[in-house]
C-alpha atoms as a PDB file:
ATOM      1  CA  UNK A   1     267.514 235.066 132.017  1.00  0.00           C
ATOM      2  CA  UNK A   2     269.170 238.447 131.616  1.00  0.00           C
ATOM      3  CA  UNK A   3     267.620 241.689 132.686  1.00  0.00           C
ATOM      4  CA  UNK A   4     267.102 242.779 129.049  1.00  0.00           C
ATOM      5  CA  UNK A   5     265.392 239.507 128.152  1.00  0.00           C
ATOM      6  CA  UNK A   6     263.126 239.732 131.200  1.00  0.00           C
ATOM      7  CA  UNK A   7     262.151 243.294 130.369  1.00  0.00           C
ATOM      8  CA  UNK A   8     261.454 242.393 126.750  1.00  0.00           C
ATOM      9  CA  UNK A   9     259.330 239.360 127.624  1.00  0.00           C
ATOM     10  CA  UNK A  10     257.129 240.849 130.332  1.00  0.00           C
ATOM     11  CA  UNK A  11     256.384 244.299 128.977  1.00  0.00           C
ATOM     12  CA  UNK A  12     255.250 247.110 131.231  1.00  0.00           C
ATOM     13  CA  UNK A  13     254.949 246.418 134.961  1.00  0.00           C
ATOM     14  CA  UNK A  14     251.550 245.316 136.137  1.00  0.00           C
ATOM     15  CA  UNK A  15     250.221 244.181 132.735  1.00  0.00           C
ATOM     16  CA  UNK A  16     249.859 240.447 132.335  1.00  0.00           C
ATOM     17  CA  UNK A  17     249.379 240.377 128.586  1.00  0.00           C
ATOM     18  CA  UNK A  18     252.496 240.276 126.417  1.00  0.00           C
ATOM     19  CA  UNK A  19     253.192 243.135 124.019  1.00  0.00           C
ATOM     20  CA  UNK A  20     251.996 242.312 120.519  1.00  0.00           C
ATOM     21  CA  UNK A  21     254.634 241.858 117.846  1.00  0.00           C
ATOM     22  CA  UNK A  22     255.026 244.714 115.368  1.00  0.00           C
ATOM     23  CA  UNK A  23     253.173 244.415 112.109  1.00  0.00           C
ATOM     24  CA  UNK A  24     255.261 243.044 109.264  1.00  0.00           C
ATOM     25  CA  UNK A  25     255.164 245.234 106.168  1.00  0.00           C
ATOM     26  CA  UNK A  26     255.605 243.589 102.837  1.00  0.00           C
ATOM     27  CA  UNK A  27     257.751 245.554 100.385  1.00  0.00           C
ATOM     28  CA  UNK A  28     256.044 245.612  97.049  1.00  0.00           C
ATOM     29  CA  UNK A  29     257.229 247.653  94.102  1.00  0.00           C
ATOM     30  CA  UNK A  30     254.981 250.619  93.484  1.00  0.00           C
ATOM     31  CA  UNK A  31     254.327 251.927  90.009  1.00  0.00           C
ATOM     32  CA  UNK A  32     253.851 255.449  91.394  1.00  0.00           C
ATOM     33  CA  UNK A  33     257.428 255.575  92.709  1.00  0.00           C
ATOM     34  CA  UNK A  34     259.985 254.537  90.119  1.00  0.00           C
ATOM     35  CA  UNK A  35     262.711 252.279  91.371  1.00  0.00           C
ATOM     36  CA  UNK A  36     266.245 253.169  90.328  1.00  0.00           C
ATOM     37  CA  UNK A  37     268.870 250.502  90.247  1.00  0.00           C
ATOM     38  CA  UNK A  38     272.580 250.971  90.671  1.00  0.00           C
ATOM     39  CA  UNK A  39     273.066 250.043  87.029  1.00  0.00           C
ATOM     40  CA  UNK A  40     270.735 252.865  85.950  1.00  0.00           C
ATOM     41  CA  UNK A  41     272.697 255.354  88.057  1.00  0.00           C
ATOM     42  CA  UNK A  42     276.033 254.197  86.639  1.00  0.00           C
ATOM     43  CA  UNK A  43     274.675 254.293  83.088  1.00  0.00           C
ATOM     44  CA  UNK A  44     273.310 257.825  83.488  1.00  0.00           C
ATOM     45  CA  UNK A  45     276.531 259.014  85.169  1.00  0.00           C
ATOM     46  CA  UNK A  46     278.577 257.616  82.261  1.00  0.00           C
ATOM     47  CA  UNK A  47     276.300 259.333  79.736  1.00  0.00           C
ATOM     48  CA  UNK A  48     276.592 262.663  81.582  1.00  0.00           C
ATOM     49  CA  UNK A  49     280.365 262.290  81.809  1.00  0.00           C
ATOM     50  CA  UNK A  50     280.674 261.495  78.095  1.00  0.00           C
ATOM     51  CA  UNK A  51     278.462 264.433  77.168  1.00  0.00           C
ATOM     52  CA  UNK A  52     280.458 266.803  79.434  1.00  0.00           C
ATOM     53  CA  UNK A  53     283.782 265.630  77.964  1.00  0.00           C
ATOM     54  CA  UNK A  54     282.437 266.096  74.436  1.00  0.00           C
ATOM     55  CA  UNK A  55     281.182 269.620  75.228  1.00  0.00           C
ATOM     56  CA  UNK A  56     284.509 270.510  76.896  1.00  0.00           C
ATOM     57  CA  UNK A  57     286.404 269.365  73.802  1.00  0.00           C
ATOM     58  CA  UNK A  58     284.107 271.446  71.589  1.00  0.00           C
ATOM     59  CA  UNK A  59     284.621 274.517  73.780  1.00  0.00           C
ATOM     60  CA  UNK A  60     288.389 273.919  73.815  1.00  0.00           C
ATOM     61  CA  UNK A  61     288.452 273.704  70.024  1.00  0.00           C
ATOM     62  CA  UNK A  62     286.422 276.928  69.702  1.00  0.00           C
ATOM     63  CA  UNK A  63     288.710 278.785  72.139  1.00  0.00           C
ATOM     64  CA  UNK A  64     291.851 277.598  70.347  1.00  0.00           C
ATOM     65  CA  UNK A  65     290.380 278.698  67.022  1.00  0.00           C
ATOM     66  CA  UNK A  66     289.538 282.157  68.429  1.00  0.00           C
ATOM     67  CA  UNK A  67     293.009 282.547  69.967  1.00  0.00           C
ATOM     68  CA  UNK A  68     294.669 281.700  66.642  1.00  0.00           C
ATOM     69  CA  UNK A  69     292.354 284.164  64.887  1.00  0.00           C
ATOM     70  CA  UNK A  70     293.247 286.923  67.384  1.00  0.00           C
ATOM     71  CA  UNK A  71     296.975 286.147  67.126  1.00  0.00           C
ATOM     72  CA  UNK A  72     296.805 286.320  63.350  1.00  0.00           C
ATOM     73  CA  UNK A  73     294.928 289.643  63.432  1.00  0.00           C
ATOM     74  CA  UNK A  74     297.201 291.287  66.011  1.00  0.00           C
ATOM     75  CA  UNK A  75     300.525 290.064  64.623  1.00  0.00           C
ATOM     76  CA  UNK A  76     300.616 292.752  61.936  1.00  0.00           C
ATOM     77  CA  UNK A  77     299.739 295.465  64.462  1.00  0.00           C
ATOM     78  CA  UNK A  78     302.501 294.351  66.827  1.00  0.00           C
ATOM     79  CA  UNK A  79     304.979 294.218  63.958  1.00  0.00           C
ATOM     80  CA  UNK A  80     304.136 297.744  62.817  1.00  0.00           C
ATOM     81  CA  UNK A  81     304.431 299.094  66.377  1.00  0.00           C
ATOM     82  CA  UNK A  82     307.761 297.313  66.775  1.00  0.00           C
ATOM     83  CA  UNK A  83     309.060 298.765  63.502  1.00  0.00           C
ATOM     84  CA  UNK A  84     307.915 302.263  64.451  1.00  0.00           C
ATOM     85  CA  UNK A  85     309.457 302.192  67.917  1.00  0.00           C
ATOM     86  CA  UNK A  86     312.738 300.692  66.709  1.00  0.00           C
ATOM     87  CA  UNK A  87     313.224 303.189  63.892  1.00  0.00           C
ATOM     88  CA  UNK A  88     311.759 306.342  65.422  1.00  0.00           C
ATOM     89  CA  UNK A  89     314.354 309.080  66.136  1.00  0.00           C
ATOM     90  CA  UNK A  90     312.123 310.477  68.910  1.00  0.00           C
ATOM     91  CA  UNK A  91     312.121 307.130  70.698  1.00  0.00           C
ATOM     92  CA  UNK A  92     315.903 306.908  70.452  1.00  0.00           C
ATOM     93  CA  UNK A  93     316.138 310.391  71.964  1.00  0.00           C
ATOM     94  CA  UNK A  94     313.832 309.411  74.845  1.00  0.00           C
ATOM     95  CA  UNK A  95     315.646 306.150  75.447  1.00  0.00           C
ATOM     96  CA  UNK A  96     318.959 308.002  75.635  1.00  0.00           C
ATOM     97  CA  UNK A  97     317.403 310.471  78.087  1.00  0.00           C
ATOM     98  CA  UNK A  98     316.086 307.641  80.264  1.00  0.00           C
ATOM     99  CA  UNK A  99     319.462 305.948  80.207  1.00  0.00           C
ATOM    100  CA  UNK A 100     321.136 309.188  81.292  1.00  0.00           C
ATOM    101  CA  UNK A 101     318.585 309.775  84.059  1.00  0.00           C
ATOM    102  CA  UNK A 102     318.940 306.245  85.405  1.00  0.00           C
ATOM    103  CA  UNK A 103     322.652 306.869  85.943  1.00  0.00           C
ATOM    104  CA  UNK A 104     321.688 309.421  88.615  1.00  0.00           C
ATOM    105  CA  UNK A 105     321.470 307.614  92.009  1.00  0.00           C
ATOM    106  CA  UNK A 106     318.839 310.098  93.187  1.00  0.00           C
ATOM    107  CA  UNK A 107     316.477 308.972  90.441  1.00  0.00           C
ATOM    108  CA  UNK A 108     317.000 305.325  91.427  1.00  0.00           C
ATOM    109  CA  UNK A 109     316.348 306.210  95.084  1.00  0.00           C
ATOM    110  CA  UNK A 110     313.265 308.161  94.052  1.00  0.00           C
ATOM    111  CA  UNK A 111     311.950 305.135  92.171  1.00  0.00           C
ATOM    112  CA  UNK A 112     312.509 302.922  95.233  1.00  0.00           C
ATOM    113  CA  UNK A 113     310.736 305.412  97.516  1.00  0.00           C
ATOM    114  CA  UNK A 114     307.842 305.659  95.040  1.00  0.00           C
ATOM    115  CA  UNK A 115     307.507 301.876  94.928  1.00  0.00           C
ATOM    116  CA  UNK A 116     307.563 301.715  98.738  1.00  0.00           C
ATOM    117  CA  UNK A 117     304.911 304.440  98.897  1.00  0.00           C
ATOM    118  CA  UNK A 118     302.710 302.567  96.447  1.00  0.00           C
ATOM    119  CA  UNK A 119     303.192 299.332  98.409  1.00  0.00           C
ATOM    120  CA  UNK A 120     302.336 301.102 101.678  1.00  0.00           C
ATOM    121  CA  UNK A 121     299.218 302.600 100.088  1.00  0.00           C
ATOM    122  CA  UNK A 122     298.142 299.178  98.831  1.00  0.00           C
ATOM    123  CA  UNK A 123     298.785 297.630 102.245  1.00  0.00           C
ATOM    124  CA  UNK A 124     296.697 300.289 103.967  1.00  0.00           C
ATOM    125  CA  UNK A 125     293.932 299.871 101.411  1.00  0.00           C
ATOM    126  CA  UNK A 126     293.842 296.092 101.863  1.00  0.00           C
ATOM    127  CA  UNK A 127     294.020 296.327 105.659  1.00  0.00           C
ATOM    128  CA  UNK A 128     291.350 299.017 105.926  1.00  0.00           C
ATOM    129  CA  UNK A 129     288.879 296.459 107.249  1.00  0.00           C
ATOM    130  CA  UNK A 130     291.173 295.602 110.134  1.00  0.00           C
ATOM    131  CA  UNK A 131     291.854 299.252 110.955  1.00  0.00           C
ATOM    132  CA  UNK A 132     288.497 299.664 112.647  1.00  0.00           C
ATOM    133  CA  UNK A 133     289.138 302.250 115.282  1.00  0.00           C
ATOM    134  CA  UNK A 134     287.206 305.158 116.673  1.00  0.00           C
ATOM    135  CA  UNK A 135     290.494 306.950 117.234  1.00  0.00           C
ATOM    136  CA  UNK A 136     291.266 309.116 114.257  1.00  0.00           C
ATOM    137  CA  UNK A 137     294.908 309.143 115.301  1.00  0.00           C
ATOM    138  CA  UNK A 138     295.260 305.522 114.152  1.00  0.00           C
ATOM    139  CA  UNK A 139     294.165 306.399 110.635  1.00  0.00           C
ATOM    140  CA  UNK A 140     296.290 309.556 110.709  1.00  0.00           C
ATOM    141  CA  UNK A 141     299.284 307.422 111.694  1.00  0.00           C
ATOM    142  CA  UNK A 142     298.800 305.095 108.728  1.00  0.00           C
ATOM    143  CA  UNK A 143     298.301 307.944 106.283  1.00  0.00           C
ATOM    144  CA  UNK A 144     301.247 309.763 107.845  1.00  0.00           C
ATOM    145  CA  UNK A 145     303.526 306.931 106.779  1.00  0.00           C
ATOM    146  CA  UNK A 146     302.499 307.383 103.171  1.00  0.00           C
ATOM    147  CA  UNK A 147     302.790 311.167 103.460  1.00  0.00           C
ATOM    148  CA  UNK A 148     306.234 310.793 105.033  1.00  0.00           C
ATOM    149  CA  UNK A 149     307.413 308.702 102.106  1.00  0.00           C
ATOM    150  CA  UNK A 150     306.123 311.357  99.722  1.00  0.00           C
ATOM    151  CA  UNK A 151     307.878 314.125 101.697  1.00  0.00           C
ATOM    152  CA  UNK A 152     311.093 312.066 101.716  1.00  0.00           C
ATOM    153  CA  UNK A 153     310.808 311.685  97.965  1.00  0.00           C
ATOM    154  CA  UNK A 154     310.458 315.458  97.447  1.00  0.00           C
ATOM    155  CA  UNK A 155     313.306 316.228  99.872  1.00  0.00           C
ATOM    156  CA  UNK A 156     315.708 313.777  98.240  1.00  0.00           C
ATOM    157  CA  UNK A 157     314.880 315.007  94.784  1.00  0.00           C
ATOM    158  CA  UNK A 158     315.239 318.719  95.536  1.00  0.00           C
ATOM    159  CA  UNK A 159     318.394 318.299  97.600  1.00  0.00           C
ATOM    160  CA  UNK A 160     320.455 315.746  95.719  1.00  0.00           C
ATOM    161  CA  UNK A 161     319.223 315.665  92.120  1.00  0.00           C
ATOM    162  CA  UNK A 162     321.160 318.728  90.915  1.00  0.00           C
ATOM    163  CA  UNK A 163     324.291 317.448  92.631  1.00  0.00           C
ATOM    164  CA  UNK A 164     324.325 314.155  90.674  1.00  0.00           C
ATOM    165  CA  UNK A 165     322.756 315.355  87.416  1.00  0.00           C
ATOM    166  CA  UNK A 166     324.753 313.825  84.524  1.00  0.00           C
ATOM    167  CA  UNK A 167     323.457 316.300  81.966  1.00  0.00           C
ATOM    168  CA  UNK A 168     325.079 319.251  83.758  1.00  0.00           C
ATOM    169  CA  UNK A 169     328.435 317.587  84.376  1.00  0.00           C
END
């Protein structure tokens, strides 16, 4: 006899009576607690899925109808704006001015510096949670970068713009 069998057969040490067997409980269906079968679950899941698919198709149809309605309403507005901008003498004058200005390398450099300044500002804004420091010099350093880009922009513009200005040549 193994140790486990001996322990199970004799019970606690010093007691001669064997341990009584546990009471057997008979499983009877109760009317108070409804029993749910796997078939019921599958049937209800299929019904919910079918209803969700039907509602999604209805929503999709409504959205498509609204988008077509909006496209139809805005098409005339876009066409009138396009006609106005294409035929307007003021717009042609401004487009010619922009084309002339973009031939100046200082303007291109100024645009690049402005984009870098905006990107640096966005980076500082998004990293503000990580820049948790009691030292104000850390924040001054980060803002100094943005200020330096702005100062560089002003310096480049004032120094080199007149030199490369196409309108004066």
